[in-house]
PDB file of N, CA and C in Angstrom:
ATOM      1  N   MET A   1      36.429  75.567  -9.913  1.00  0.00           N
ATOM      2  CA  MET A   1      36.502  77.026  -9.851  1.00  0.00           C
ATOM      3  C   MET A   1      35.265  77.653  -9.231  1.00  0.00           C
ATOM      4  N   ILE A   2      35.389  78.546  -8.402  1.00  0.00           N
ATOM      5  CA  ILE A   2      34.263  79.245  -7.783  1.00  0.00           C
ATOM      6  C   ILE A   2      34.040  80.537  -8.587  1.00  0.00           C
ATOM      7  N   ALA A   3      32.891  80.698  -9.142  1.00  0.00           N
ATOM      8  CA  ALA A   3      32.721  81.853 -10.044  1.00  0.00           C
ATOM      9  C   ALA A   3      32.244  83.037  -9.189  1.00  0.00           C
ATOM     10  N   GLN A   4      31.095  82.888  -8.415  1.00  0.00           N
ATOM     11  CA  GLN A   4      30.650  84.087  -7.789  1.00  0.00           C
ATOM     12  C   GLN A   4      29.888  83.629  -6.389  1.00  0.00           C
ATOM     13  N   ARG A   5      29.790  84.553  -5.612  1.00  0.00           N
ATOM     14  CA  ARG A   5      29.014  84.315  -4.391  1.00  0.00           C
ATOM     15  C   ARG A   5      27.923  85.398  -4.196  1.00  0.00           C
ATOM     16  N   SER A   6      26.807  84.990  -3.944  1.00  0.00           N
ATOM     17  CA  SER A   6      25.659  85.910  -3.647  1.00  0.00           C
ATOM     18  C   SER A   6      24.940  85.491  -2.460  1.00  0.00           C
ATOM     19  N   SER A   7      24.010  86.234  -2.064  1.00  0.00           N
ATOM     20  CA  SER A   7      23.158  85.812  -0.851  1.00  0.00           C
ATOM     21  C   SER A   7      21.780  86.291  -0.829  1.00  0.00           C
ATOM     22  N   VAL A   8      21.012  85.568  -0.151  1.00  0.00           N
ATOM     23  CA  VAL A   8      19.585  85.822  -0.090  1.00  0.00           C
ATOM     24  C   VAL A   8      19.300  85.764   1.501  1.00  0.00           C
ATOM     25  N   LYS A   9      19.172  86.959   2.129  1.00  0.00           N
ATOM     26  CA  LYS A   9      19.086  87.088   3.604  1.00  0.00           C
ATOM     27  C   LYS A   9      20.421  86.327   4.251  1.00  0.00           C
ATOM     28  N   ASP A  10      20.043  85.368   4.961  1.00  0.00           N
ATOM     29  CA  ASP A  10      21.256  84.601   5.634  1.00  0.00           C
ATOM     30  C   ASP A  10      21.659  83.412   4.941  1.00  0.00           C
ATOM     31  N   ILE A  11      21.362  83.294   3.642  1.00  0.00           N
ATOM     32  CA  ILE A  11      21.782  82.112   2.740  1.00  0.00           C
ATOM     33  C   ILE A  11      22.746  82.526   1.781  1.00  0.00           C
ATOM     34  N   ASP A  12      23.892  81.919   1.708  1.00  0.00           N
ATOM     35  CA  ASP A  12      24.863  82.212   0.688  1.00  0.00           C
ATOM     36  C   ASP A  12      24.712  81.250  -0.470  1.00  0.00           C
ATOM     37  N   ILE A  13      24.898  81.704  -1.609  1.00  0.00           N
ATOM     38  CA  ILE A  13      24.840  80.966  -2.903  1.00  0.00           C
ATOM     39  C   ILE A  13      26.187  81.084  -3.515  1.00  0.00           C
ATOM     40  N   ILE A  14      26.752  79.817  -3.743  1.00  0.00           N
ATOM     41  CA  ILE A  14      28.039  79.763  -4.450  1.00  0.00           C
ATOM     42  C   ILE A  14      27.845  79.082  -5.779  1.00  0.00           C
ATOM     43  N   GLU A  15      28.315  79.780  -6.767  1.00  0.00           N
ATOM     44  CA  GLU A  15      28.152  79.123  -8.150  1.00  0.00           C
ATOM     45  C   GLU A  15      29.593  78.547  -8.477  1.00  0.00           C
ATOM     46  N   CYS A  16      29.488  77.233  -8.758  1.00  0.00           N
ATOM     47  CA  CYS A  16      30.702  76.516  -9.190  1.00  0.00           C
ATOM     48  C   CYS A  16      30.715  76.329 -10.685  1.00  0.00           C
ATOM     49  N   ILE A  17      31.962  76.661 -11.258  1.00  0.00           N
ATOM     50  CA  ILE A  17      31.899  76.583 -12.723  1.00  0.00           C
ATOM     51  C   ILE A  17      33.065  75.613 -13.091  1.00  0.00           C
ATOM     52  N   GLY A  18      32.927  74.821 -13.989  1.00  0.00           N
ATOM     53  CA  GLY A  18      33.970  73.817 -14.400  1.00  0.00           C
ATOM     54  C   GLY A  18      33.928  72.527 -13.591  1.00  0.00           C
ATOM     55  N   ASP A  19      35.083  71.945 -13.572  1.00  0.00           N
ATOM     56  CA  ASP A  19      35.289  70.627 -12.789  1.00  0.00           C
ATOM     57  C   ASP A  19      35.375  70.954 -11.290  1.00  0.00           C
ATOM     58  N   LEU A  20      34.730  70.083 -10.585  1.00  0.00           N
ATOM     59  CA  LEU A  20      35.027  69.926  -9.082  1.00  0.00           C
ATOM     60  C   LEU A  20      36.017  68.945  -8.790  1.00  0.00           C
ATOM     61  N   ASN A  21      37.129  69.332  -8.565  1.00  0.00           N
ATOM     62  CA  ASN A  21      38.302  68.321  -8.265  1.00  0.00           C
ATOM     63  C   ASN A  21      38.840  68.809  -6.972  1.00  0.00           C
ATOM     64  N   ALA A  22      39.936  68.055  -6.613  1.00  0.00           N
ATOM     65  CA  ALA A  22      40.687  68.391  -5.320  1.00  0.00           C
ATOM     66  C   ALA A  22      41.114  69.870  -5.268  1.00  0.00           C
ATOM     67  N   PRO A  23      41.762  70.350  -6.276  1.00  0.00           N
ATOM     68  CA  PRO A  23      42.179  71.696  -6.154  1.00  0.00           C
ATOM     69  C   PRO A  23      41.138  72.775  -5.981  1.00  0.00           C
ATOM     70  N   SER A  24      40.032  72.584  -6.809  1.00  0.00           N
ATOM     71  CA  SER A  24      38.932  73.489  -6.740  1.00  0.00           C
ATOM     72  C   SER A  24      38.154  73.364  -5.402  1.00  0.00           C
ATOM     73  N   MET A  25      37.959  72.100  -4.877  1.00  0.00           N
ATOM     74  CA  MET A  25      37.425  71.841  -3.632  1.00  0.00           C
ATOM     75  C   MET A  25      38.153  72.539  -2.510  1.00  0.00           C
ATOM     76  N   VAL A  26      39.472  72.577  -2.497  1.00  0.00           N
ATOM     77  CA  VAL A  26      40.281  73.149  -1.531  1.00  0.00           C
ATOM     78  C   VAL A  26      39.894  74.714  -1.467  1.00  0.00           C
ATOM     79  N   ALA A  27      39.749  75.286  -2.699  1.00  0.00           N
ATOM     80  CA  ALA A  27      39.325  76.694  -2.678  1.00  0.00           C
ATOM     81  C   ALA A  27      37.962  76.846  -2.070  1.00  0.00           C
ATOM     82  N   LEU A  28      37.065  76.028  -2.365  1.00  0.00           N
ATOM     83  CA  LEU A  28      35.594  76.034  -1.945  1.00  0.00           C
ATOM     84  C   LEU A  28      35.751  75.830  -0.494  1.00  0.00           C
ATOM     85  N   LYS A  29      36.541  74.875   0.028  1.00  0.00           N
ATOM     86  CA  LYS A  29      36.556  74.617   1.444  1.00  0.00           C
ATOM     87  C   LYS A  29      37.105  75.882   2.257  1.00  0.00           C
ATOM     88  N   ASN A  30      38.007  76.441   1.706  1.00  0.00           N
ATOM     89  CA  ASN A  30      38.445  77.720   2.238  1.00  0.00           C
ATOM     90  C   ASN A  30      37.418  78.893   2.312  1.00  0.00           C
ATOM     91  N   LYS A  31      36.607  78.922   1.290  1.00  0.00           N
ATOM     92  CA  LYS A  31      35.614  79.914   1.231  1.00  0.00           C
ATOM     93  C   LYS A  31      34.503  79.549   2.241  1.00  0.00           C
ATOM     94  N   LEU A  32      34.152  78.281   2.273  1.00  0.00           N
ATOM     95  CA  LEU A  32      33.071  77.843   3.323  1.00  0.00           C
ATOM     96  C   LEU A  32      33.711  78.145   4.776  1.00  0.00           C
ATOM     97  N   ARG A  33      34.947  77.896   4.984  1.00  0.00           N
ATOM     98  CA  ARG A  33      35.470  78.130   6.303  1.00  0.00           C
ATOM     99  C   ARG A  33      35.323  79.582   6.746  1.00  0.00           C
ATOM    100  N   GLY A  34      35.629  80.507   5.648  1.00  0.00           N
ATOM    101  CA  GLY A  34      35.466  81.904   5.838  1.00  0.00           C
ATOM    102  C   GLY A  34      34.038  82.375   6.261  1.00  0.00           C
ATOM    103  N   LEU A  35      33.151  81.677   5.571  1.00  0.00           N
ATOM    104  CA  LEU A  35      31.653  81.882   5.803  1.00  0.00           C
ATOM    105  C   LEU A  35      31.351  81.579   7.218  1.00  0.00           C
ATOM    106  N   MET A  36      31.708  80.297   7.579  1.00  0.00           N
ATOM    107  CA  MET A  36      31.480  79.907   8.940  1.00  0.00           C
ATOM    108  C   MET A  36      32.115  80.663  10.033  1.00  0.00           C
ATOM    109  N   GLU A  37      33.237  81.303   9.768  1.00  0.00           N
ATOM    110  CA  GLU A  37      33.821  82.236  10.748  1.00  0.00           C
ATOM    111  C   GLU A  37      33.013  83.393  10.924  1.00  0.00           C
ATOM    112  N   LYS A  38      32.139  83.675   9.947  1.00  0.00           N
ATOM    113  CA  LYS A  38      31.178  84.861  10.043  1.00  0.00           C
ATOM    114  C   LYS A  38      29.818  84.426  10.515  1.00  0.00           C
ATOM    115  N   ASN A  39      29.795  83.148  11.005  1.00  0.00           N
ATOM    116  CA  ASN A  39      28.427  82.608  11.411  1.00  0.00           C
ATOM    117  C   ASN A  39      27.374  82.499  10.234  1.00  0.00           C
ATOM    118  N   ARG A  40      27.992  82.245   9.059  1.00  0.00           N
ATOM    119  CA  ARG A  40      27.091  82.098   7.881  1.00  0.00           C
ATOM    120  C   ARG A  40      27.137  80.615   7.470  1.00  0.00           C
ATOM    121  N   ASN A  41      26.171  79.834   7.916  1.00  0.00           N
ATOM    122  CA  ASN A  41      26.364  78.452   7.770  1.00  0.00           C
ATOM    123  C   ASN A  41      25.270  77.801   6.870  1.00  0.00           C
ATOM    124  N   LYS A  42      24.548  78.584   6.162  1.00  0.00           N
ATOM    125  CA  LYS A  42      23.517  78.105   5.284  1.00  0.00           C
ATOM    126  C   LYS A  42      24.058  78.359   3.838  1.00  0.00           C
ATOM    127  N   VAL A  43      24.276  77.334   3.089  1.00  0.00           N
ATOM    128  CA  VAL A  43      24.907  77.525   1.800  1.00  0.00           C
ATOM    129  C   VAL A  43      24.202  76.718   0.773  1.00  0.00           C
ATOM    130  N   VAL A  44      23.914  77.304  -0.432  1.00  0.00           N
ATOM    131  CA  VAL A  44      23.497  76.649  -1.691  1.00  0.00           C
ATOM    132  C   VAL A  44      24.693  76.635  -2.631  1.00  0.00           C
ATOM    133  N   LEU A  45      25.024  75.307  -3.071  1.00  0.00           N
ATOM    134  CA  LEU A  45      26.070  75.271  -4.242  1.00  0.00           C
ATOM    135  C   LEU A  45      25.324  75.039  -5.430  1.00  0.00           C
ATOM    136  N   ASP A  46      25.443  76.077  -6.338  1.00  0.00           N
ATOM    137  CA  ASP A  46      24.921  75.951  -7.669  1.00  0.00           C
ATOM    138  C   ASP A  46      25.816  75.144  -8.582  1.00  0.00           C
ATOM    139  N   LEU A  47      25.447  73.999  -9.009  1.00  0.00           N
ATOM    140  CA  LEU A  47      26.355  73.176  -9.873  1.00  0.00           C
ATOM    141  C   LEU A  47      25.857  73.122 -11.282  1.00  0.00           C
ATOM    142  N   GLY A  48      25.020  74.188 -11.689  1.00  0.00           N
ATOM    143  CA  GLY A  48      24.554  74.202 -13.027  1.00  0.00           C
ATOM    144  C   GLY A  48      25.551  74.300 -14.195  1.00  0.00           C
ATOM    145  N   ARG A  49      26.840  74.858 -13.778  1.00  0.00           N
ATOM    146  CA  ARG A  49      27.909  75.093 -14.767  1.00  0.00           C
ATOM    147  C   ARG A  49      29.069  74.142 -14.409  1.00  0.00           C
ATOM    148  N   THR A  50      28.820  73.102 -13.574  1.00  0.00           N
ATOM    149  CA  THR A  50      29.789  72.112 -13.305  1.00  0.00           C
ATOM    150  C   THR A  50      29.718  70.979 -14.219  1.00  0.00           C
ATOM    151  N   ASN A  51      30.789  70.565 -14.790  1.00  0.00           N
ATOM    152  CA  ASN A  51      30.793  69.446 -15.830  1.00  0.00           C
ATOM    153  C   ASN A  51      31.200  68.211 -15.280  1.00  0.00           C
ATOM    154  N   HIS A  52      32.017  68.111 -14.163  1.00  0.00           N
ATOM    155  CA  HIS A  52      32.558  66.862 -13.816  1.00  0.00           C
ATOM    156  C   HIS A  52      32.845  67.017 -12.244  1.00  0.00           C
ATOM    157  N   VAL A  53      32.634  65.949 -11.522  1.00  0.00           N
ATOM    158  CA  VAL A  53      32.997  65.879 -10.092  1.00  0.00           C
ATOM    159  C   VAL A  53      33.860  64.569  -9.794  1.00  0.00           C
ATOM    160  N   ASP A  54      34.875  64.794  -9.232  1.00  0.00           N
ATOM    161  CA  ASP A  54      35.816  63.702  -8.920  1.00  0.00           C
ATOM    162  C   ASP A  54      35.665  63.138  -7.516  1.00  0.00           C
ATOM    163  N   LEU A  55      36.155  61.951  -7.225  1.00  0.00           N
ATOM    164  CA  LEU A  55      35.991  61.345  -5.904  1.00  0.00           C
ATOM    165  C   LEU A  55      36.659  62.136  -4.822  1.00  0.00           C
ATOM    166  N   ALA A  56      37.725  62.713  -5.086  1.00  0.00           N
ATOM    167  CA  ALA A  56      38.469  63.499  -3.959  1.00  0.00           C
ATOM    168  C   ALA A  56      37.600  64.740  -3.579  1.00  0.00           C
ATOM    169  N   ALA A  57      37.029  65.383  -4.687  1.00  0.00           N
ATOM    170  CA  ALA A  57      36.106  66.482  -4.377  1.00  0.00           C
ATOM    171  C   ALA A  57      34.836  65.967  -3.578  1.00  0.00           C
ATOM    172  N   LEU A  58      34.328  64.966  -3.778  1.00  0.00           N
ATOM    173  CA  LEU A  58      33.137  64.437  -3.042  1.00  0.00           C
ATOM    174  C   LEU A  58      33.520  64.251  -1.607  1.00  0.00           C
ATOM    175  N   GLY A  59      34.729  63.686  -1.332  1.00  0.00           N
ATOM    176  CA  GLY A  59      35.209  63.541   0.073  1.00  0.00           C
ATOM    177  C   GLY A  59      35.299  64.803   0.816  1.00  0.00           C
ATOM    178  N   ILE A  60      35.892  65.800   0.144  1.00  0.00           N
ATOM    179  CA  ILE A  60      36.100  67.078   0.696  1.00  0.00           C
ATOM    180  C   ILE A  60      34.692  67.738   0.962  1.00  0.00           C
ATOM    181  N   LEU A  61      33.702  67.530   0.019  1.00  0.00           N
ATOM    182  CA  LEU A  61      32.406  68.197   0.215  1.00  0.00           C
ATOM    183  C   LEU A  61      31.747  67.510   1.429  1.00  0.00           C
ATOM    184  N   VAL A  62      31.700  66.192   1.484  1.00  0.00           N
ATOM    185  CA  VAL A  62      31.167  65.498   2.626  1.00  0.00           C
ATOM    186  C   VAL A  62      31.708  65.954   4.069  1.00  0.00           C
ATOM    187  N   GLU A  63      33.096  66.243   4.057  1.00  0.00           N
ATOM    188  CA  GLU A  63      33.762  66.767   5.279  1.00  0.00           C
ATOM    189  C   GLU A  63      33.157  68.131   5.586  1.00  0.00           C
ATOM    190  N   ARG A  64      33.031  69.016   4.592  1.00  0.00           N
ATOM    191  CA  ARG A  64      32.467  70.366   4.802  1.00  0.00           C
ATOM    192  C   ARG A  64      31.052  70.336   5.283  1.00  0.00           C
ATOM    193  N   ILE A  65      30.176  69.365   4.713  1.00  0.00           N
ATOM    194  CA  ILE A  65      28.829  69.169   5.115  1.00  0.00           C
ATOM    195  C   ILE A  65      28.752  68.834   6.528  1.00  0.00           C
ATOM    196  N   LYS A  66      29.585  67.899   7.008  1.00  0.00           N
ATOM    197  CA  LYS A  66      29.505  67.471   8.416  1.00  0.00           C
ATOM    198  C   LYS A  66      29.860  68.675   9.313  1.00  0.00           C
ATOM    199  N   GLU A  67      30.924  69.400   8.845  1.00  0.00           N
ATOM    200  CA  GLU A  67      31.388  70.614   9.638  1.00  0.00           C
ATOM    201  C   GLU A  67      30.181  71.643   9.753  1.00  0.00           C
ATOM    202  N   VAL A  68      29.608  72.007   8.729  1.00  0.00           N
ATOM    203  CA  VAL A  68      28.450  72.981   8.631  1.00  0.00           C
ATOM    204  C   VAL A  68      27.414  72.549   9.503  1.00  0.00           C
ATOM    205  N   ARG A  69      27.040  71.140   9.319  1.00  0.00           N
ATOM    206  CA  ARG A  69      25.851  70.711  10.063  1.00  0.00           C
ATOM    207  C   ARG A  69      26.160  70.579  11.583  1.00  0.00           C
ATOM    208  N   GLY A  70      27.398  70.503  11.897  1.00  0.00           N
ATOM    209  CA  GLY A  70      27.788  70.628  13.359  1.00  0.00           C
ATOM    210  C   GLY A  70      27.513  71.977  13.922  1.00  0.00           C
ATOM    211  N   SER A  71      27.524  72.962  13.102  1.00  0.00           N
ATOM    212  CA  SER A  71      27.304  74.351  13.531  1.00  0.00           C
ATOM    213  C   SER A  71      25.874  74.753  13.222  1.00  0.00           C
ATOM    214  N   LYS A  72      24.878  73.806  13.197  1.00  0.00           N
ATOM    215  CA  LYS A  72      23.481  74.008  12.912  1.00  0.00           C
ATOM    216  C   LYS A  72      23.032  74.626  11.624  1.00  0.00           C
ATOM    217  N   GLY A  73      23.998  74.344  10.605  1.00  0.00           N
ATOM    218  CA  GLY A  73      23.662  74.799   9.252  1.00  0.00           C
ATOM    219  C   GLY A  73      23.595  73.784   8.325  1.00  0.00           C
ATOM    220  N   ASP A  74      23.667  73.938   6.994  1.00  0.00           N
ATOM    221  CA  ASP A  74      23.604  72.913   6.004  1.00  0.00           C
ATOM    222  C   ASP A  74      24.024  73.510   4.685  1.00  0.00           C
ATOM    223  N   ILE A  75      24.332  72.613   3.676  1.00  0.00           N
ATOM    224  CA  ILE A  75      24.791  72.805   2.414  1.00  0.00           C
ATOM    225  C   ILE A  75      23.830  72.047   1.575  1.00  0.00           C
ATOM    226  N   LYS A  76      23.203  72.777   0.525  1.00  0.00           N
ATOM    227  CA  LYS A  76      22.259  72.208  -0.333  1.00  0.00           C
ATOM    228  C   LYS A  76      22.756  72.423  -1.746  1.00  0.00           C
ATOM    229  N   LEU A  77      22.472  71.548  -2.691  1.00  0.00           N
ATOM    230  CA  LEU A  77      22.880  71.651  -4.073  1.00  0.00           C
ATOM    231  C   LEU A  77      21.790  71.842  -5.016  1.00  0.00           C
ATOM    232  N   CYS A  78      22.073  72.585  -6.100  1.00  0.00           N
ATOM    233  CA  CYS A  78      20.979  72.838  -7.056  1.00  0.00           C
ATOM    234  C   CYS A  78      21.550  72.742  -8.438  1.00  0.00           C
ATOM    235  N   LYS A  79      20.678  72.501  -9.493  1.00  0.00           N
ATOM    236  CA  LYS A  79      20.964  72.668 -10.866  1.00  0.00           C
ATOM    237  C   LYS A  79      22.077  71.636 -11.319  1.00  0.00           C
ATOM    238  N   MET A  80      22.082  70.477 -10.768  1.00  0.00           N
ATOM    239  CA  MET A  80      23.045  69.467 -11.191  1.00  0.00           C
ATOM    240  C   MET A  80      22.753  68.866 -12.464  1.00  0.00           C
ATOM    241  N   LYS A  81      23.801  68.855 -13.316  1.00  0.00           N
ATOM    242  CA  LYS A  81      23.707  68.146 -14.722  1.00  0.00           C
ATOM    243  C   LYS A  81      23.555  66.693 -14.462  1.00  0.00           C
ATOM    244  N   PRO A  82      22.994  65.964 -15.380  1.00  0.00           N
ATOM    245  CA  PRO A  82      22.676  64.445 -15.236  1.00  0.00           C
ATOM    246  C   PRO A  82      24.047  63.682 -14.917  1.00  0.00           C
ATOM    247  N   ASN A  83      25.118  63.979 -15.571  1.00  0.00           N
ATOM    248  CA  ASN A  83      26.340  63.200 -15.353  1.00  0.00           C
ATOM    249  C   ASN A  83      26.957  63.603 -13.909  1.00  0.00           C
ATOM    250  N   VAL A  84      26.739  64.753 -13.436  1.00  0.00           N
ATOM    251  CA  VAL A  84      27.223  65.108 -12.091  1.00  0.00           C
ATOM    252  C   VAL A  84      26.285  64.416 -11.093  1.00  0.00           C
ATOM    253  N   ARG A  85      24.988  64.411 -11.353  1.00  0.00           N
ATOM    254  CA  ARG A  85      24.007  63.651 -10.434  1.00  0.00           C
ATOM    255  C   ARG A  85      24.353  62.222 -10.372  1.00  0.00           C
ATOM    256  N   ARG A  86      24.627  61.603 -11.511  1.00  0.00           N
ATOM    257  CA  ARG A  86      25.015  60.236 -11.554  1.00  0.00           C
ATOM    258  C   ARG A  86      26.223  59.953 -10.616  1.00  0.00           C
ATOM    259  N   THR A  87      27.295  60.695 -10.714  1.00  0.00           N
ATOM    260  CA  THR A  87      28.478  60.558  -9.939  1.00  0.00           C
ATOM    261  C   THR A  87      27.943  60.545  -8.308  1.00  0.00           C
ATOM    262  N   PHE A  88      27.264  61.593  -8.018  1.00  0.00           N
ATOM    263  CA  PHE A  88      26.834  61.638  -6.581  1.00  0.00           C
ATOM    264  C   PHE A  88      26.103  60.484  -6.200  1.00  0.00           C
ATOM    265  N   LYS A  89      25.143  60.009  -7.089  1.00  0.00           N
ATOM    266  CA  LYS A  89      24.185  58.826  -6.754  1.00  0.00           C
ATOM    267  C   LYS A  89      25.172  57.649  -6.704  1.00  0.00           C
ATOM    268  N   MET A  90      26.097  57.333  -7.666  1.00  0.00           N
ATOM    269  CA  MET A  90      26.922  56.180  -7.662  1.00  0.00           C
ATOM    270  C   MET A  90      27.759  56.087  -6.487  1.00  0.00           C
ATOM    271  N   VAL A  91      28.296  57.053  -5.799  1.00  0.00           N
ATOM    272  CA  VAL A  91      29.155  57.059  -4.794  1.00  0.00           C
ATOM    273  C   VAL A  91      28.310  57.055  -3.498  1.00  0.00           C
ATOM    274  N   GLY A  92      26.992  57.271  -3.524  1.00  0.00           N
ATOM    275  CA  GLY A  92      26.076  57.222  -2.378  1.00  0.00           C
ATOM    276  C   GLY A  92      25.996  58.553  -1.749  1.00  0.00           C
ATOM    277  N   VAL A  93      26.653  59.624  -2.234  1.00  0.00           N
ATOM    278  CA  VAL A  93      26.603  60.918  -1.589  1.00  0.00           C
ATOM    279  C   VAL A  93      25.353  61.583  -1.742  1.00  0.00           C
ATOM    280  N   SER A  94      24.470  61.151  -2.751  1.00  0.00           N
ATOM    281  CA  SER A  94      23.174  61.911  -2.964  1.00  0.00           C
ATOM    282  C   SER A  94      22.157  61.658  -1.824  1.00  0.00           C
ATOM    283  N   LYS A  95      22.372  60.574  -1.001  1.00  0.00           N
ATOM    284  CA  LYS A  95      21.556  60.239   0.114  1.00  0.00           C
ATOM    285  C   LYS A  95      21.786  61.243   1.291  1.00  0.00           C
ATOM    286  N   LEU A  96      23.032  61.878   1.157  1.00  0.00           N
ATOM    287  CA  LEU A  96      23.395  62.750   2.404  1.00  0.00           C
ATOM    288  C   LEU A  96      23.106  64.196   2.171  1.00  0.00           C
ATOM    289  N   ILE A  97      22.779  64.585   0.910  1.00  0.00           N
ATOM    290  CA  ILE A  97      22.660  65.972   0.469  1.00  0.00           C
ATOM    291  C   ILE A  97      21.391  66.286  -0.142  1.00  0.00           C
ATOM    292  N   ASP A  98      20.653  67.315   0.373  1.00  0.00           N
ATOM    293  CA  ASP A  98      19.444  67.619  -0.345  1.00  0.00           C
ATOM    294  C   ASP A  98      19.789  68.335  -1.754  1.00  0.00           C
ATOM    295  N   THR A  99      19.085  67.931  -2.762  1.00  0.00           N
ATOM    296  CA  THR A  99      19.373  68.552  -4.100  1.00  0.00           C
ATOM    297  C   THR A  99      18.072  69.138  -4.660  1.00  0.00           C
ATOM    298  N   PHE A 100      18.165  70.178  -5.415  1.00  0.00           N
ATOM    299  CA  PHE A 100      17.008  70.928  -5.999  1.00  0.00           C
ATOM    300  C   PHE A 100      17.212  71.306  -7.381  1.00  0.00           C
ATOM    301  N   SER A 101      16.137  71.456  -8.173  1.00  0.00           N
ATOM    302  CA  SER A 101      16.306  71.785  -9.522  1.00  0.00           C
ATOM    303  C   SER A 101      16.580  73.352  -9.804  1.00  0.00           C
ATOM    304  N   THR A 102      16.388  74.170  -8.844  1.00  0.00           N
ATOM    305  CA  THR A 102      16.541  75.596  -9.000  1.00  0.00           C
ATOM    306  C   THR A 102      17.331  76.181  -7.721  1.00  0.00           C
ATOM    307  N   GLN A 103      17.834  77.287  -7.845  1.00  0.00           N
ATOM    308  CA  GLN A 103      18.353  78.039  -6.684  1.00  0.00           C
ATOM    309  C   GLN A 103      17.202  78.452  -5.804  1.00  0.00           C
ATOM    310  N   ASN A 104      16.115  78.854  -6.327  1.00  0.00           N
ATOM    311  CA  ASN A 104      15.006  79.233  -5.497  1.00  0.00           C
ATOM    312  C   ASN A 104      14.559  78.166  -4.647  1.00  0.00           C
ATOM    313  N   ALA A 105      14.293  77.092  -5.217  1.00  0.00           N
ATOM    314  CA  ALA A 105      13.740  75.902  -4.456  1.00  0.00           C
ATOM    315  C   ALA A 105      14.720  75.593  -3.352  1.00  0.00           C
ATOM    316  N   ALA A 106      16.085  75.608  -3.516  1.00  0.00           N
ATOM    317  CA  ALA A 106      17.087  75.299  -2.515  1.00  0.00           C
ATOM    318  C   ALA A 106      17.025  76.411  -1.413  1.00  0.00           C
ATOM    319  N   VAL A 107      16.879  77.674  -1.796  1.00  0.00           N
ATOM    320  CA  VAL A 107      16.880  78.705  -0.872  1.00  0.00           C
ATOM    321  C   VAL A 107      15.557  78.660  -0.041  1.00  0.00           C
ATOM    322  N   ARG A 108      14.465  78.314  -0.750  1.00  0.00           N
ATOM    323  CA  ARG A 108      13.139  78.192   0.062  1.00  0.00           C
ATOM    324  C   ARG A 108      13.176  76.997   1.002  1.00  0.00           C
ATOM    325  N   SER A 109      13.934  75.899   0.723  1.00  0.00           N
ATOM    326  CA  SER A 109      14.008  74.903   1.658  1.00  0.00           C
ATOM    327  C   SER A 109      14.684  75.222   2.979  1.00  0.00           C
ATOM    328  N   PHE A 110      15.617  76.212   2.987  1.00  0.00           N
ATOM    329  CA  PHE A 110      16.034  76.704   4.257  1.00  0.00           C
ATOM    330  C   PHE A 110      15.046  77.576   4.958  1.00  0.00           C
ATOM    331  N   GLN A 111      14.242  78.334   4.215  1.00  0.00           N
ATOM    332  CA  GLN A 111      13.382  79.218   4.870  1.00  0.00           C
ATOM    333  C   GLN A 111      12.156  78.438   5.415  1.00  0.00           C
ATOM    334  N   LEU A 112      11.851  77.130   4.957  1.00  0.00           N
ATOM    335  CA  LEU A 112      10.722  76.398   5.323  1.00  0.00           C
ATOM    336  C   LEU A 112      11.199  75.525   6.527  1.00  0.00           C
ATOM    337  N   ALA A 113      12.381  75.260   6.756  1.00  0.00           N
ATOM    338  CA  ALA A 113      12.916  74.336   7.843  1.00  0.00           C
ATOM    339  C   ALA A 113      12.812  74.983   9.205  1.00  0.00           C
TER     340      ALA A 113
END
């Protein structure tokens, strides 16, 4: 479930609450598509309130990251719980995505790039 969206300048922050599974990722995919249509392609996903991520969700996320990076943007993750981080690492996705301990650090990484 996507709880809220906020922004800092040209960077959108999306807070995800609950499990990231195929249905919730479809909703996130649609939100990201809407942002890209508005030329907003710098996104921080706050996973601090995400309890579980399944493989289907990771597949959809990787697909979105490729699309966003193709438009000169990126998706960065922050505040991952240990069990969520383990899932990303186990599947090998953690090598593809920059992760940060805080929203501020993730936002700053865009500003420094």
